[in-house]
Amino acid sequence: MEKSVRKALEARFPDEAVKSRHGSFGKQLNYFDGTAVVARLNDVLDGEWSFVVVEIRELPTGEILVLGRLTVLVQITKEGIGT
């Protein structure tokens, strides 16, 4: 990946793109607004990316665990788990 592309992807998001919600055990969780992430990917990669939900599972705590796969430029794949 070109350094300029990586630098653009890693650029700081504006503060208003950071949202928060209550999580398990009384913790406050911060996350990025999905529209900001999609806009960043589209701007930097010109639409050359895809995201697929690989698995959805309910945990004994009632939380929903989602495994997603982000593929960038068909050469880079990253999987991540979130609740």
N, C-alpha and C. Protein backbone atom coordinates (compact mmCIF):
# COMPACT_ATOMS: atom_id res chain seq x y z
N MET A 1 0.85 -1.17 0.00
CA MET A 1 0.00 0.00 0.00
C MET A 1 0.89 1.24 0.00
N GLU A 2 0.54 2.20 -0.80
CA GLU A 2 1.31 3.44 -0.85
C GLU A 2 1.24 4.16 0.48
N LYS A 3 2.34 4.84 0.84
CA LYS A 3 2.38 5.57 2.11
C LYS A 3 1.30 6.63 2.18
N SER A 4 1.02 7.29 1.06
CA SER A 4 0.01 8.35 1.06
C SER A 4 -1.39 7.79 1.36
N VAL A 5 -1.67 6.60 0.85
CA VAL A 5 -2.97 5.97 1.11
C VAL A 5 -3.06 5.58 2.57
N ARG A 6 -2.00 4.97 3.08
CA ARG A 6 -1.99 4.57 4.49
C ARG A 6 -2.15 5.79 5.39
N LYS A 7 -1.43 6.85 5.08
CA LYS A 7 -1.50 8.07 5.89
C LYS A 7 -2.92 8.65 5.87
N ALA A 8 -3.56 8.64 4.72
CA ALA A 8 -4.93 9.16 4.62
C ALA A 8 -5.91 8.29 5.40
N LEU A 9 -5.72 6.97 5.37
CA LEU A 9 -6.60 6.08 6.13
C LEU A 9 -6.41 6.25 7.63
N GLU A 10 -5.17 6.53 8.05
CA GLU A 10 -4.85 6.66 9.47
C GLU A 10 -5.08 8.06 10.02
N ALA A 11 -5.49 9.00 9.18
CA ALA A 11 -5.71 10.37 9.64
C ALA A 11 -6.76 10.40 10.76
N ARG A 12 -6.57 11.32 11.67
CA ARG A 12 -7.49 11.46 12.81
C ARG A 12 -8.89 11.84 12.31
N PHE A 13 -9.89 11.18 12.87
CA PHE A 13 -11.28 11.53 12.57
C PHE A 13 -11.65 12.77 13.37
N PRO A 14 -12.57 13.58 12.87
CA PRO A 14 -13.03 14.73 13.65
C PRO A 14 -13.73 14.25 14.92
N ASP A 15 -13.66 15.05 15.96
CA ASP A 15 -14.26 14.68 17.25
C ASP A 15 -15.74 14.33 17.12
N GLU A 16 -16.45 14.99 16.21
CA GLU A 16 -17.88 14.72 16.08
C GLU A 16 -18.18 13.35 15.46
N ALA A 17 -17.17 12.69 14.91
CA ALA A 17 -17.36 11.34 14.36
C ALA A 17 -17.28 10.27 15.44
N VAL A 18 -16.82 10.65 16.64
CA VAL A 18 -16.70 9.70 17.74
C VAL A 18 -18.00 9.72 18.55
N LYS A 19 -18.61 8.56 18.65
CA LYS A 19 -19.85 8.39 19.40
C LYS A 19 -19.55 7.55 20.64
N SER A 20 -20.50 7.49 21.56
CA SER A 20 -20.31 6.65 22.75
C SER A 20 -21.63 5.99 23.12
N ARG A 21 -21.50 4.87 23.80
CA ARG A 21 -22.67 4.14 24.28
C ARG A 21 -22.30 3.41 25.55
N HIS A 22 -23.32 2.99 26.29
CA HIS A 22 -23.08 2.20 27.49
C HIS A 22 -22.80 0.77 27.09
N GLY A 23 -21.76 0.19 27.68
CA GLY A 23 -21.40 -1.19 27.40
C GLY A 23 -21.63 -2.06 28.62
N SER A 24 -21.08 -3.24 28.59
CA SER A 24 -21.20 -4.18 29.70
C SER A 24 -20.49 -3.65 30.93
N PHE A 25 -20.95 -4.09 32.06
CA PHE A 25 -20.32 -3.81 33.35
C PHE A 25 -20.22 -2.31 33.63
N GLY A 26 -21.16 -1.53 33.10
CA GLY A 26 -21.21 -0.11 33.39
C GLY A 26 -20.15 0.73 32.69
N LYS A 27 -19.45 0.16 31.74
CA LYS A 27 -18.40 0.90 31.03
C LYS A 27 -18.99 1.73 29.89
N GLN A 28 -18.37 2.86 29.63
CA GLN A 28 -18.72 3.70 28.49
C GLN A 28 -17.80 3.32 27.32
N LEU A 29 -18.37 3.02 26.17
CA LEU A 29 -17.59 2.60 25.01
C LEU A 29 -17.63 3.69 23.94
N ASN A 30 -16.47 4.03 23.40
CA ASN A 30 -16.38 4.98 22.30
C ASN A 30 -16.21 4.21 21.00
N TYR A 31 -16.80 4.73 19.93
CA TYR A 31 -16.69 4.09 18.62
C TYR A 31 -16.83 5.18 17.55
N PHE A 32 -16.43 4.85 16.35
CA PHE A 32 -16.56 5.78 15.24
C PHE A 32 -17.91 5.59 14.56
N ASP A 33 -18.53 6.69 14.21
CA ASP A 33 -19.77 6.66 13.46
C ASP A 33 -19.53 5.95 12.13
N GLY A 34 -20.37 4.99 11.80
CA GLY A 34 -20.19 4.20 10.59
C GLY A 34 -20.15 5.03 9.31
N THR A 35 -20.95 6.08 9.25
CA THR A 35 -20.95 6.90 8.03
C THR A 35 -19.62 7.60 7.84
N ALA A 36 -18.94 7.97 8.92
CA ALA A 36 -17.63 8.60 8.81
C ALA A 36 -16.59 7.61 8.29
N VAL A 37 -16.68 6.36 8.75
CA VAL A 37 -15.75 5.32 8.30
C VAL A 37 -15.97 5.01 6.83
N VAL A 38 -17.22 4.86 6.42
CA VAL A 38 -17.54 4.58 5.02
C VAL A 38 -17.08 5.74 4.13
N ALA A 39 -17.32 6.97 4.56
CA ALA A 39 -16.89 8.14 3.78
C ALA A 39 -15.37 8.15 3.63
N ARG A 40 -14.65 7.85 4.72
CA ARG A 40 -13.18 7.82 4.66
C ARG A 40 -12.70 6.76 3.67
N LEU A 41 -13.26 5.55 3.77
CA LEU A 41 -12.86 4.48 2.86
C LEU A 41 -13.17 4.84 1.40
N ASN A 42 -14.34 5.41 1.16
CA ASN A 42 -14.70 5.79 -0.21
C ASN A 42 -13.80 6.90 -0.74
N ASP A 43 -13.53 7.89 0.09
CA ASP A 43 -12.68 9.01 -0.34
C ASP A 43 -11.27 8.55 -0.67
N VAL A 44 -10.70 7.74 0.20
CA VAL A 44 -9.29 7.34 0.05
C VAL A 44 -9.13 6.23 -0.97
N LEU A 45 -10.06 5.28 -0.99
CA LEU A 45 -9.90 4.08 -1.82
C LEU A 45 -10.77 4.08 -3.07
N ASP A 46 -11.49 5.17 -3.27
CA ASP A 46 -12.33 5.30 -4.47
C ASP A 46 -13.27 4.10 -4.62
N GLY A 47 -13.83 3.65 -3.51
CA GLY A 47 -14.79 2.55 -3.54
C GLY A 47 -14.19 1.16 -3.70
N GLU A 48 -12.88 1.05 -3.71
CA GLU A 48 -12.21 -0.25 -3.90
C GLU A 48 -12.05 -0.99 -2.58
N TRP A 49 -13.16 -1.26 -1.91
CA TRP A 49 -13.15 -1.98 -0.64
C TRP A 49 -14.50 -2.67 -0.48
N SER A 50 -14.53 -3.63 0.41
CA SER A 50 -15.79 -4.31 0.73
C SER A 50 -15.78 -4.73 2.19
N PHE A 51 -16.97 -4.90 2.74
CA PHE A 51 -17.13 -5.36 4.13
C PHE A 51 -18.20 -6.43 4.15
N VAL A 52 -17.90 -7.53 4.83
CA VAL A 52 -18.83 -8.66 4.93
C VAL A 52 -18.95 -9.05 6.40
N VAL A 53 -20.18 -9.26 6.86
CA VAL A 53 -20.39 -9.84 8.18
C VAL A 53 -20.20 -11.34 8.04
N VAL A 54 -19.19 -11.87 8.74
CA VAL A 54 -18.84 -13.29 8.64
C VAL A 54 -19.66 -14.13 9.60
N GLU A 55 -19.85 -13.61 10.81
CA GLU A 55 -20.55 -14.40 11.83
C GLU A 55 -21.20 -13.47 12.84
N ILE A 56 -22.38 -13.86 13.30
CA ILE A 56 -23.09 -13.15 14.37
C ILE A 56 -23.43 -14.19 15.43
N ARG A 57 -23.07 -13.88 16.67
CA ARG A 57 -23.29 -14.84 17.74
C ARG A 57 -23.77 -14.10 19.00
N GLU A 58 -24.73 -14.67 19.70
CA GLU A 58 -25.17 -14.09 20.97
C GLU A 58 -24.38 -14.75 22.10
N LEU A 59 -23.81 -13.93 22.95
CA LEU A 59 -23.04 -14.41 24.09
C LEU A 59 -23.97 -14.72 25.26
N PRO A 60 -23.52 -15.51 26.22
CA PRO A 60 -24.35 -15.82 27.40
C PRO A 60 -24.80 -14.56 28.15
N THR A 61 -24.04 -13.47 28.03
CA THR A 61 -24.38 -12.21 28.69
C THR A 61 -25.50 -11.47 27.98
N GLY A 62 -25.90 -11.96 26.79
CA GLY A 62 -26.93 -11.29 26.01
C GLY A 62 -26.36 -10.33 24.97
N GLU A 63 -25.06 -10.07 25.04
CA GLU A 63 -24.43 -9.22 24.04
C GLU A 63 -24.35 -9.96 22.70
N ILE A 64 -24.33 -9.20 21.64
CA ILE A 64 -24.20 -9.76 20.30
C ILE A 64 -22.77 -9.53 19.83
N LEU A 65 -22.12 -10.60 19.42
CA LEU A 65 -20.75 -10.55 18.93
C LEU A 65 -20.80 -10.67 17.41
N VAL A 66 -20.13 -9.74 16.73
CA VAL A 66 -20.14 -9.73 15.27
C VAL A 66 -18.71 -9.81 14.76
N LEU A 67 -18.44 -10.76 13.88
CA LEU A 67 -17.15 -10.86 13.21
C LEU A 67 -17.33 -10.31 11.81
N GLY A 68 -16.56 -9.26 11.50
CA GLY A 68 -16.65 -8.64 10.19
C GLY A 68 -15.32 -8.73 9.46
N ARG A 69 -15.39 -8.72 8.13
CA ARG A 69 -14.17 -8.78 7.31
C ARG A 69 -14.16 -7.58 6.37
N LEU A 70 -13.11 -6.76 6.48
CA LEU A 70 -12.89 -5.62 5.61
C LEU A 70 -11.79 -5.99 4.62
N THR A 71 -12.09 -5.91 3.35
CA THR A 71 -11.10 -6.18 2.31
C THR A 71 -10.84 -4.87 1.57
N VAL A 72 -9.56 -4.51 1.46
CA VAL A 72 -9.15 -3.26 0.82
C VAL A 72 -8.29 -3.58 -0.38
N LEU A 73 -8.66 -3.00 -1.52
CA LEU A 73 -7.87 -3.13 -2.75
C LEU A 73 -7.58 -4.58 -3.11
N VAL A 74 -8.41 -5.49 -2.67
CA VAL A 74 -8.34 -6.91 -2.94
C VAL A 74 -7.02 -7.54 -2.45
N GLN A 75 -6.13 -6.77 -1.86
CA GLN A 75 -4.85 -7.30 -1.41
C GLN A 75 -4.75 -7.35 0.11
N ILE A 76 -5.58 -6.61 0.79
CA ILE A 76 -5.48 -6.51 2.24
C ILE A 76 -6.81 -6.93 2.85
N THR A 77 -6.77 -7.88 3.77
CA THR A 77 -7.98 -8.31 4.46
C THR A 77 -7.74 -8.23 5.95
N LYS A 78 -8.71 -7.67 6.67
CA LYS A 78 -8.62 -7.55 8.12
C LYS A 78 -9.92 -8.01 8.71
N GLU A 79 -9.85 -8.89 9.70
CA GLU A 79 -11.05 -9.32 10.40
C GLU A 79 -11.02 -8.73 11.79
N GLY A 80 -12.20 -8.44 12.32
CA GLY A 80 -12.30 -7.89 13.66
C GLY A 80 -13.60 -8.30 14.30
N ILE A 81 -13.59 -8.36 15.60
CA ILE A 81 -14.76 -8.74 16.37
C ILE A 81 -15.23 -7.53 17.16
N GLY A 82 -16.53 -7.31 17.21
CA GLY A 82 -17.07 -6.21 17.98
C GLY A 82 -18.40 -6.60 18.58
N THR A 83 -18.80 -5.85 19.59
CA THR A 83 -20.11 -6.09 20.21
C THR A 83 -20.95 -4.87 20.05
